Amino acid sequence: MSSGKLKGGGVYAFLGVSSPFDPDCTFVTSPVFPPLLLAAFRLAIALYALFVVLFAIIWGAVRLDDAQTYFSFFTHLSYIGLLAYYWASGVQTLVYATRGQYPLRKWYRPLQFLHTLLYSSITTFPFVVTIAYWGLLSSSSTFSDKFNTWNNISVHAMNSGMALVEILLTNTRPLPWIHIPFTIAFLACYLAVAYITRATQGFYPYDFLDPHIQQAKVAAYVFGIAIAEVIIFTVVHFIIRLRIRLSRRKPVESTSPEAIDDWEEVERPSDNSA
């Protein structure tokens, strides 16, 4: 093996990308479902998430005249991350179910890294969104009409359910610790988006980011969310470890009648034996 390959492998291994990539096909298998059923389940969730996003944008354009603000909210951006992952993983799993391999394993290493990083984000950000919304942002308008009720349940509650599906019902490996700085950097980038929104559209996506209202508390909220992300990342990491440990426990195999017949056929003494 060349030194260049060792060096490249080392860098990507440090970033959570094995070489060869995903040798046990953990990204496209489940301890509960066969691959084809897992693919159908993922694609069904992807279709629902796509419907939620499109309906919300169209509803905002036609009824509320605020569709231009949709991409200013971290809730929506993280939900689109879920949507993207479920489409990508659903298609990859479908290919695996029909061909025994999936394309991502042969793609360029940066794409493999981005897929693993996307997985780390979609299994942690939804919990940040759910906790922040129901803890800080929900109000009497949350269930004010049918659209708000359905939309808020979809993006502020079902999002965490979607994350749990990937955490508990797939064979994916624990989140690499090196991904923590990347997820924190994503949150910092969103903070910039929030203030760009204030400068260009005249409003803060979230009131707790408005220094005129919260004053010194803004920094506390920002650091609190970053700390929450680290805690959630750690919890998810160890939940996945526990799931792997439990799924590796093999049940006691019962002896089938066919196996008994085969054994008797081999071990039964011949008629000429004493």
C-alpha atoms as a PDB file:
ATOM      1  CA  MET A   1       0.000   0.000   0.000  1.00  0.00           C
ATOM      2  CA  SER A   2       1.388   3.381  -0.972  1.00  0.00           C
ATOM      3  CA  SER A   3       2.119   6.102   1.579  1.00  0.00           C
ATOM      4  CA  GLY A   4      -0.307   8.386  -0.238  1.00  0.00           C
ATOM      5  CA  LYS A   5      -3.110   5.899   0.274  1.00  0.00           C
ATOM      6  CA  LEU A   6      -2.182   5.502   3.935  1.00  0.00           C
ATOM      7  CA  LYS A   7      -2.202   9.242   4.402  1.00  0.00           C
ATOM      8  CA  GLY A   8      -5.567   9.693   2.681  1.00  0.00           C
ATOM      9  CA  GLY A   9      -7.060   6.761   4.556  1.00  0.00           C
ATOM     10  CA  GLY A  10      -5.824   8.216   7.830  1.00  0.00           C
ATOM     11  CA  VAL A  11      -7.404  11.599   7.210  1.00  0.00           C
ATOM     12  CA  TYR A  12     -10.767  10.173   6.247  1.00  0.00           C
ATOM     13  CA  ALA A  13     -10.670   7.587   9.016  1.00  0.00           C
ATOM     14  CA  PHE A  14     -10.137  10.510  11.418  1.00  0.00           C
ATOM     15  CA  LEU A  15     -13.241  12.137   9.900  1.00  0.00           C
ATOM     16  CA  GLY A  16     -15.315   8.997  10.465  1.00  0.00           C
ATOM     17  CA  VAL A  17     -15.025   7.483   6.978  1.00  0.00           C
ATOM     18  CA  SER A  18     -13.715   3.924   6.900  1.00  0.00           C
ATOM     19  CA  SER A  19     -11.684   2.414   4.072  1.00  0.00           C
ATOM     20  CA  PRO A  20     -13.308   0.629   2.354  1.00  0.00           C
ATOM     21  CA  PHE A  21     -16.394   2.650   3.040  1.00  0.00           C
ATOM     22  CA  ASP A  22     -19.075   0.962   5.159  1.00  0.00           C
ATOM     23  CA  PRO A  23     -17.760  -2.609   4.668  1.00  0.00           C
ATOM     24  CA  ASP A  24     -20.753  -4.115   6.514  1.00  0.00           C
ATOM     25  CA  CYS A  25     -23.309  -1.980   4.633  1.00  0.00           C
ATOM     26  CA  THR A  26     -24.609  -0.556   7.908  1.00  0.00           C
ATOM     27  CA  PHE A  27     -26.072   2.541   6.227  1.00  0.00           C
ATOM     28  CA  VAL A  28     -28.505   0.454   4.184  1.00  0.00           C
ATOM     29  CA  THR A  29     -29.452  -2.350   6.549  1.00  0.00           C
ATOM     30  CA  SER A  30     -31.538  -2.711   9.675  1.00  0.00           C
ATOM     31  CA  PRO A  31     -31.658  -5.109  12.636  1.00  0.00           C
ATOM     32  CA  VAL A  32     -35.452  -5.139  12.256  1.00  0.00           C
ATOM     33  CA  PHE A  33     -36.350  -4.797   8.559  1.00  0.00           C
ATOM     34  CA  PRO A  34     -35.065  -6.491   5.401  1.00  0.00           C
ATOM     35  CA  PRO A  35     -33.377  -3.993   3.039  1.00  0.00           C
ATOM     36  CA  LEU A  36     -36.344  -3.701   0.659  1.00  0.00           C
ATOM     37  CA  LEU A  37     -38.737  -2.850   3.483  1.00  0.00           C
ATOM     38  CA  LEU A  38     -36.224  -0.392   4.953  1.00  0.00           C
ATOM     39  CA  ALA A  39     -35.954   1.291   1.538  1.00  0.00           C
ATOM     40  CA  ALA A  40     -39.746   1.557   1.264  1.00  0.00           C
ATOM     41  CA  PHE A  41     -39.981   2.958   4.795  1.00  0.00           C
ATOM     42  CA  ARG A  42     -37.300   5.573   4.155  1.00  0.00           C
ATOM     43  CA  LEU A  43     -38.793   6.617   0.829  1.00  0.00           C
ATOM     44  CA  ALA A  44     -42.267   6.913   2.389  1.00  0.00           C
ATOM     45  CA  ILE A  45     -40.852   9.264   5.038  1.00  0.00           C
ATOM     46  CA  ALA A  46     -39.008  11.195   2.317  1.00  0.00           C
ATOM     47  CA  LEU A  47     -42.245  11.607   0.341  1.00  0.00           C
ATOM     48  CA  TYR A  48     -44.102  12.847   3.426  1.00  0.00           C
ATOM     49  CA  ALA A  49     -41.324  15.308   4.303  1.00  0.00           C
ATOM     50  CA  LEU A  50     -41.283  16.601   0.723  1.00  0.00           C
ATOM     51  CA  PHE A  51     -45.054  17.106   0.862  1.00  0.00           C
ATOM     52  CA  VAL A  52     -44.718  19.024   4.146  1.00  0.00           C
ATOM     53  CA  VAL A  53     -42.066  21.358   2.731  1.00  0.00           C
ATOM     54  CA  LEU A  54     -43.843  22.010  -0.577  1.00  0.00           C
ATOM     55  CA  PHE A  55     -47.246  22.490   1.046  1.00  0.00           C
ATOM     56  CA  ALA A  56     -45.841  24.917   3.626  1.00  0.00           C
ATOM     57  CA  ILE A  57     -44.075  26.998   0.959  1.00  0.00           C
ATOM     58  CA  ILE A  58     -47.141  27.086  -1.299  1.00  0.00           C
ATOM     59  CA  TRP A  59     -49.419  27.867   1.649  1.00  0.00           C
ATOM     60  CA  GLY A  60     -47.072  30.676   2.688  1.00  0.00           C
ATOM     61  CA  ALA A  61     -47.072  32.101  -0.844  1.00  0.00           C
ATOM     62  CA  VAL A  62     -50.817  31.872  -1.467  1.00  0.00           C
ATOM     63  CA  ARG A  63     -52.414  32.397   1.940  1.00  0.00           C
ATOM     64  CA  LEU A  64     -49.868  34.085   4.203  1.00  0.00           C
ATOM     65  CA  ASP A  65     -47.666  35.999   1.750  1.00  0.00           C
ATOM     66  CA  ASP A  66     -44.513  35.030   3.658  1.00  0.00           C
ATOM     67  CA  ALA A  67     -43.011  32.238   1.555  1.00  0.00           C
ATOM     68  CA  GLN A  68     -39.843  34.309   1.139  1.00  0.00           C
ATOM     69  CA  THR A  69     -39.089  33.839   4.846  1.00  0.00           C
ATOM     70  CA  TYR A  70     -39.276  30.050   4.803  1.00  0.00           C
ATOM     71  CA  PHE A  71     -35.544  29.407   4.471  1.00  0.00           C
ATOM     72  CA  SER A  72     -34.671  31.843   7.251  1.00  0.00           C
ATOM     73  CA  PHE A  73     -35.691  29.403   9.988  1.00  0.00           C
ATOM     74  CA  PHE A  74     -33.388  26.744  11.371  1.00  0.00           C
ATOM     75  CA  THR A  75     -36.444  24.538  11.897  1.00  0.00           C
ATOM     76  CA  HIS A  76     -37.068  24.448   8.154  1.00  0.00           C
ATOM     77  CA  LEU A  77     -33.421  24.098   7.183  1.00  0.00           C
ATOM     78  CA  SER A  78     -32.913  21.142   9.536  1.00  0.00           C
ATOM     79  CA  TYR A  79     -36.144  19.584   8.245  1.00  0.00           C
ATOM     80  CA  ILE A  80     -34.838  19.893   4.693  1.00  0.00           C
ATOM     81  CA  GLY A  81     -31.695  18.123   5.924  1.00  0.00           C
ATOM     82  CA  LEU A  82     -33.911  15.253   7.096  1.00  0.00           C
ATOM     83  CA  LEU A  83     -35.690  15.281   3.743  1.00  0.00           C
ATOM     84  CA  ALA A  84     -32.391  15.145   1.844  1.00  0.00           C
ATOM     85  CA  TYR A  85     -31.017  12.313   3.973  1.00  0.00           C
ATOM     86  CA  TYR A  86     -34.158  10.202   3.671  1.00  0.00           C
ATOM     87  CA  TRP A  87     -34.210  10.577  -0.101  1.00  0.00           C
ATOM     88  CA  ALA A  88     -30.501   9.762  -0.400  1.00  0.00           C
ATOM     89  CA  SER A  89     -30.588   6.838   2.031  1.00  0.00           C
ATOM     90  CA  GLY A  90     -33.863   5.537   0.603  1.00  0.00           C
ATOM     91  CA  VAL A  91     -32.513   5.402  -2.945  1.00  0.00           C
ATOM     92  CA  GLN A  92     -29.197   3.895  -1.814  1.00  0.00           C
ATOM     93  CA  THR A  93     -31.050   1.244   0.213  1.00  0.00           C
ATOM     94  CA  LEU A  94     -33.321   0.425  -2.706  1.00  0.00           C
ATOM     95  CA  VAL A  95     -30.297  -0.131  -4.944  1.00  0.00           C
ATOM     96  CA  TYR A  96     -28.715  -2.306  -2.269  1.00  0.00           C
ATOM     97  CA  ALA A  97     -31.906  -4.343  -1.883  1.00  0.00           C
ATOM     98  CA  THR A  98     -32.006  -5.071  -5.627  1.00  0.00           C
ATOM     99  CA  ARG A  99     -28.289  -5.371  -6.458  1.00  0.00           C
ATOM    100  CA  GLY A 100     -26.502  -6.339  -3.239  1.00  0.00           C
ATOM    101  CA  GLN A 101     -24.333  -3.202  -3.236  1.00  0.00           C
ATOM    102  CA  TYR A 102     -25.013   0.512  -3.202  1.00  0.00           C
ATOM    103  CA  PRO A 103     -23.360   3.336  -5.185  1.00  0.00           C
ATOM    104  CA  LEU A 104     -22.114   5.454  -2.254  1.00  0.00           C
ATOM    105  CA  ARG A 105     -19.514   2.798  -1.413  1.00  0.00           C
ATOM    106  CA  LYS A 106     -17.762   3.546  -4.744  1.00  0.00           C
ATOM    107  CA  TRP A 107     -18.215   7.318  -4.776  1.00  0.00           C
ATOM    108  CA  TYR A 108     -15.495   9.836  -4.006  1.00  0.00           C
ATOM    109  CA  ARG A 109     -14.357  10.029  -0.404  1.00  0.00           C
ATOM    110  CA  PRO A 110     -15.561  13.615   0.152  1.00  0.00           C
ATOM    111  CA  LEU A 111     -19.098  12.510  -0.760  1.00  0.00           C
ATOM    112  CA  GLN A 112     -18.856   9.606   1.664  1.00  0.00           C
ATOM    113  CA  PHE A 113     -17.731  11.999   4.383  1.00  0.00           C
ATOM    114  CA  LEU A 114     -20.587  14.383   3.635  1.00  0.00           C
ATOM    115  CA  HIS A 115     -23.069  11.512   3.897  1.00  0.00           C
ATOM    116  CA  THR A 116     -21.765  10.488   7.314  1.00  0.00           C
ATOM    117  CA  LEU A 117     -21.769  14.119   8.439  1.00  0.00           C
ATOM    118  CA  LEU A 118     -25.325  14.570   7.200  1.00  0.00           C
ATOM    119  CA  TYR A 119     -26.290  11.504   9.235  1.00  0.00           C
ATOM    120  CA  SER A 120     -24.736  13.056  12.345  1.00  0.00           C
ATOM    121  CA  SER A 121     -26.697  16.260  11.786  1.00  0.00           C
ATOM    122  CA  ILE A 122     -30.083  14.665  11.108  1.00  0.00           C
ATOM    123  CA  THR A 123     -29.835  12.511  14.227  1.00  0.00           C
ATOM    124  CA  THR A 124     -29.079  15.479  16.523  1.00  0.00           C
ATOM    125  CA  PHE A 125     -30.512  18.733  15.100  1.00  0.00           C
ATOM    126  CA  PRO A 126     -34.154  17.550  15.205  1.00  0.00           C
ATOM    127  CA  PHE A 127     -33.917  17.139  18.989  1.00  0.00           C
ATOM    128  CA  VAL A 128     -32.435  20.630  19.323  1.00  0.00           C
ATOM    129  CA  VAL A 129     -35.346  21.983  17.275  1.00  0.00           C
ATOM    130  CA  THR A 130     -37.987  20.077  19.235  1.00  0.00           C
ATOM    131  CA  ILE A 131     -36.602  21.096  22.641  1.00  0.00           C
ATOM    132  CA  ALA A 132     -36.111  24.738  21.648  1.00  0.00           C
ATOM    133  CA  TYR A 133     -39.550  25.051  20.064  1.00  0.00           C
ATOM    134  CA  TRP A 134     -41.654  23.449  22.784  1.00  0.00           C
ATOM    135  CA  GLY A 135     -39.483  24.952  25.521  1.00  0.00           C
ATOM    136  CA  LEU A 136     -39.077  28.504  24.225  1.00  0.00           C
ATOM    137  CA  LEU A 137     -41.132  29.304  21.155  1.00  0.00           C
ATOM    138  CA  SER A 138     -44.526  27.595  21.270  1.00  0.00           C
ATOM    139  CA  SER A 139     -47.486  29.848  21.974  1.00  0.00           C
ATOM    140  CA  SER A 140     -51.251  30.083  21.617  1.00  0.00           C
ATOM    141  CA  SER A 141     -50.780  30.257  17.836  1.00  0.00           C
ATOM    142  CA  THR A 142     -49.162  26.809  17.736  1.00  0.00           C
ATOM    143  CA  PHE A 143     -52.542  25.086  17.404  1.00  0.00           C
ATOM    144  CA  SER A 144     -54.532  28.112  16.246  1.00  0.00           C
ATOM    145  CA  ASP A 145     -55.834  26.440  13.068  1.00  0.00           C
ATOM    146  CA  LYS A 146     -55.583  23.170  11.162  1.00  0.00           C
ATOM    147  CA  PHE A 147     -52.571  24.209   9.111  1.00  0.00           C
ATOM    148  CA  ASN A 148     -50.539  25.424  12.101  1.00  0.00           C
ATOM    149  CA  THR A 149     -51.445  22.308  14.073  1.00  0.00           C
ATOM    150  CA  TRP A 150     -50.422  19.915  11.304  1.00  0.00           C
ATOM    151  CA  ASN A 151     -47.323  21.887  10.320  1.00  0.00           C
ATOM    152  CA  ASN A 152     -46.032  22.310  13.868  1.00  0.00           C
ATOM    153  CA  ILE A 153     -46.540  18.648  14.684  1.00  0.00           C
ATOM    154  CA  SER A 154     -44.777  17.665  11.445  1.00  0.00           C
ATOM    155  CA  VAL A 155     -41.693  19.873  11.804  1.00  0.00           C
ATOM    156  CA  HIS A 156     -41.410  20.223  15.592  1.00  0.00           C
ATOM    157  CA  ALA A 157     -42.410  16.747  16.808  1.00  0.00           C
ATOM    158  CA  MET A 158     -42.360  14.213  13.979  1.00  0.00           C
ATOM    159  CA  ASN A 159     -38.880  15.452  13.058  1.00  0.00           C
ATOM    160  CA  SER A 160     -37.507  13.877  16.238  1.00  0.00           C
ATOM    161  CA  GLY A 161     -39.443  10.708  15.447  1.00  0.00           C
ATOM    162  CA  MET A 162     -37.738  10.590  12.054  1.00  0.00           C
ATOM    163  CA  ALA A 163     -34.365  10.951  13.748  1.00  0.00           C
ATOM    164  CA  LEU A 164     -35.206   8.123  16.154  1.00  0.00           C
ATOM    165  CA  VAL A 165     -36.015   5.836  13.224  1.00  0.00           C
ATOM    166  CA  GLU A 166     -32.454   6.239  11.954  1.00  0.00           C
ATOM    167  CA  ILE A 167     -30.948   5.903  15.426  1.00  0.00           C
ATOM    168  CA  LEU A 168     -32.856   2.820  16.552  1.00  0.00           C
ATOM    169  CA  LEU A 169     -33.951   0.945  13.437  1.00  0.00           C
ATOM    170  CA  THR A 170     -30.825   0.926  11.274  1.00  0.00           C
ATOM    171  CA  ASN A 171     -27.382  -0.657  11.629  1.00  0.00           C
ATOM    172  CA  THR A 172     -25.474   2.635  11.439  1.00  0.00           C
ATOM    173  CA  ARG A 173     -22.405   3.009  13.629  1.00  0.00           C
ATOM    174  CA  PRO A 174     -21.975   5.510  16.505  1.00  0.00           C
ATOM    175  CA  LEU A 175     -21.540   9.155  15.547  1.00  0.00           C
ATOM    176  CA  PRO A 176     -17.815  10.010  15.209  1.00  0.00           C
ATOM    177  CA  TRP A 177     -16.736  12.449  17.939  1.00  0.00           C
ATOM    178  CA  ILE A 178     -14.906  14.545  15.354  1.00  0.00           C
ATOM    179  CA  HIS A 179     -18.293  15.537  13.917  1.00  0.00           C
ATOM    180  CA  ILE A 180     -19.129  17.625  16.996  1.00  0.00           C
ATOM    181  CA  PRO A 181     -17.096  20.661  15.828  1.00  0.00           C
ATOM    182  CA  PHE A 182     -18.769  20.441  12.424  1.00  0.00           C
ATOM    183  CA  THR A 183     -22.284  20.435  13.889  1.00  0.00           C
ATOM    184  CA  ILE A 184     -21.380  23.377  16.146  1.00  0.00           C
ATOM    185  CA  ALA A 185     -20.003  25.183  13.076  1.00  0.00           C
ATOM    186  CA  PHE A 186     -23.331  24.577  11.278  1.00  0.00           C
ATOM    187  CA  LEU A 187     -25.174  26.176  14.205  1.00  0.00           C
ATOM    188  CA  ALA A 188     -22.778  29.141  14.090  1.00  0.00           C
ATOM    189  CA  CYS A 189     -23.399  29.514  10.358  1.00  0.00           C
ATOM    190  CA  TYR A 190     -27.131  29.570  11.014  1.00  0.00           C
ATOM    191  CA  LEU A 191     -26.584  32.359  13.544  1.00  0.00           C
ATOM    192  CA  ALA A 192     -25.083  34.365  10.684  1.00  0.00           C
ATOM    193  CA  VAL A 193     -28.146  33.535   8.545  1.00  0.00           C
ATOM    194  CA  ALA A 194     -30.418  34.846  11.291  1.00  0.00           C
ATOM    195  CA  TYR A 195     -28.678  38.207  11.401  1.00  0.00           C
ATOM    196  CA  ILE A 196     -28.478  38.414   7.617  1.00  0.00           C
ATOM    197  CA  THR A 197     -32.255  37.888   7.644  1.00  0.00           C
ATOM    198  CA  ARG A 198     -32.609  40.788  10.087  1.00  0.00           C
ATOM    199  CA  ALA A 199     -30.498  43.006   7.833  1.00  0.00           C
ATOM    200  CA  THR A 200     -32.220  42.058   4.565  1.00  0.00           C
ATOM    201  CA  GLN A 201     -35.812  41.297   5.585  1.00  0.00           C
ATOM    202  CA  GLY A 202     -36.185  43.315   8.762  1.00  0.00           C
ATOM    203  CA  PHE A 203     -36.970  40.593  11.321  1.00  0.00           C
ATOM    204  CA  TYR A 204     -35.293  38.040  13.552  1.00  0.00           C
ATOM    205  CA  PRO A 205     -36.417  34.463  12.817  1.00  0.00           C
ATOM    206  CA  TYR A 206     -36.426  33.815  16.577  1.00  0.00           C
ATOM    207  CA  ASP A 207     -37.114  36.388  19.274  1.00  0.00           C
ATOM    208  CA  PHE A 208     -34.440  34.990  21.580  1.00  0.00           C
ATOM    209  CA  LEU A 209     -31.832  36.191  19.047  1.00  0.00           C
ATOM    210  CA  ASP A 210     -33.079  39.805  19.201  1.00  0.00           C
ATOM    211  CA  PRO A 211     -30.648  41.784  21.413  1.00  0.00           C
ATOM    212  CA  HIS A 212     -33.228  44.577  21.820  1.00  0.00           C
ATOM    213  CA  ILE A 213     -35.607  42.151  23.540  1.00  0.00           C
ATOM    214  CA  GLN A 214     -33.257  39.699  25.234  1.00  0.00           C
ATOM    215  CA  GLN A 215     -30.239  41.981  25.668  1.00  0.00           C
ATOM    216  CA  ALA A 216     -27.470  40.045  27.466  1.00  0.00           C
ATOM    217  CA  LYS A 217     -29.497  36.818  27.375  1.00  0.00           C
ATOM    218  CA  VAL A 218     -28.784  36.351  23.668  1.00  0.00           C
ATOM    219  CA  ALA A 219     -25.293  35.021  24.392  1.00  0.00           C
ATOM    220  CA  ALA A 220     -26.715  32.670  27.033  1.00  0.00           C
ATOM    221  CA  TYR A 221     -29.261  31.290  24.550  1.00  0.00           C
ATOM    222  CA  VAL A 222     -26.600  30.824  21.862  1.00  0.00           C
ATOM    223  CA  PHE A 223     -24.182  28.998  24.150  1.00  0.00           C
ATOM    224  CA  GLY A 224     -27.053  27.035  25.678  1.00  0.00           C
ATOM    225  CA  ILE A 225     -28.062  25.693  22.283  1.00  0.00           C
ATOM    226  CA  ALA A 226     -24.440  24.790  21.489  1.00  0.00           C
ATOM    227  CA  ILE A 227     -24.135  22.931  24.796  1.00  0.00           C
ATOM    228  CA  ALA A 228     -27.458  21.198  24.139  1.00  0.00           C
ATOM    229  CA  GLU A 229     -26.112  20.006  20.780  1.00  0.00           C
ATOM    230  CA  VAL A 230     -23.020  18.518  22.440  1.00  0.00           C
ATOM    231  CA  ILE A 231     -25.158  16.758  25.062  1.00  0.00           C
ATOM    232  CA  ILE A 232     -27.599  15.411  22.472  1.00  0.00           C
ATOM    233  CA  PHE A 233     -24.709  14.269  20.257  1.00  0.00           C
ATOM    234  CA  THR A 234     -23.207  12.376  23.192  1.00  0.00           C
ATOM    235  CA  VAL A 235     -26.516  10.763  24.147  1.00  0.00           C
ATOM    236  CA  VAL A 236     -27.191   9.676  20.557  1.00  0.00           C
ATOM    237  CA  HIS A 237     -23.672   8.270  20.263  1.00  0.00           C
ATOM    238  CA  PHE A 238     -24.172   5.998  23.276  1.00  0.00           C
ATOM    239  CA  ILE A 239     -27.737   5.053  22.337  1.00  0.00           C
ATOM    240  CA  ILE A 240     -26.369   3.760  19.032  1.00  0.00           C
ATOM    241  CA  ARG A 241     -23.667   1.851  20.909  1.00  0.00           C
ATOM    242  CA  LEU A 242     -26.349   0.268  23.081  1.00  0.00           C
ATOM    243  CA  ARG A 243     -28.453  -0.605  20.035  1.00  0.00           C
ATOM    244  CA  ILE A 244     -25.456  -2.284  18.402  1.00  0.00           C
ATOM    245  CA  ARG A 245     -24.724  -4.269  21.552  1.00  0.00           C
ATOM    246  CA  LEU A 246     -28.325  -5.427  21.866  1.00  0.00           C
ATOM    247  CA  SER A 247     -28.677  -6.289  18.185  1.00  0.00           C
ATOM    248  CA  ARG A 248     -25.535  -8.435  18.304  1.00  0.00           C
ATOM    249  CA  ARG A 249     -27.020 -10.721  20.946  1.00  0.00           C
ATOM    250  CA  LYS A 250     -28.056 -13.841  19.057  1.00  0.00           C
ATOM    251  CA  PRO A 251     -31.131 -15.650  20.314  1.00  0.00           C
ATOM    252  CA  VAL A 252     -30.802 -19.313  21.270  1.00  0.00           C
ATOM    253  CA  GLU A 253     -31.364 -21.276  18.110  1.00  0.00           C
ATOM    254  CA  SER A 254     -34.038 -23.911  18.392  1.00  0.00           C
ATOM    255  CA  THR A 255     -33.463 -27.250  16.749  1.00  0.00           C
ATOM    256  CA  SER A 256     -35.866 -27.618  13.857  1.00  0.00           C
ATOM    257  CA  PRO A 257     -37.466 -30.962  12.934  1.00  0.00           C
ATOM    258  CA  GLU A 258     -35.518 -30.879   9.675  1.00  0.00           C
ATOM    259  CA  ALA A 259     -32.246 -30.549  11.571  1.00  0.00           C
ATOM    260  CA  ILE A 260     -33.223 -33.431  13.853  1.00  0.00           C
ATOM    261  CA  ASP A 261     -34.013 -35.629  10.841  1.00  0.00           C
ATOM    262  CA  ASP A 262     -30.670 -34.770   9.239  1.00  0.00           C
ATOM    263  CA  TRP A 263     -28.808 -35.576  12.449  1.00  0.00           C
ATOM    264  CA  GLU A 264     -30.617 -38.872  12.864  1.00  0.00           C
ATOM    265  CA  GLU A 265     -29.869 -39.757   9.283  1.00  0.00           C
ATOM    266  CA  VAL A 266     -26.151 -39.197   9.827  1.00  0.00           C
ATOM    267  CA  GLU A 267     -25.819 -40.552  13.345  1.00  0.00           C
ATOM    268  CA  ARG A 268     -28.291 -43.500  13.299  1.00  0.00           C
ATOM    269  CA  PRO A 269     -26.320 -46.786  13.575  1.00  0.00           C
ATOM    270  CA  SER A 270     -26.489 -49.121  10.611  1.00  0.00           C
ATOM    271  CA  ASP A 271     -28.500 -52.338  10.759  1.00  0.00           C
ATOM    272  CA  ASN A 272     -25.256 -54.433  10.820  1.00  0.00           C
ATOM    273  CA  SER A 273     -23.804 -52.645  13.844  1.00  0.00           C
ATOM    274  CA  ALA A 274     -23.948 -54.200  17.277  1.00  0.00           C
END
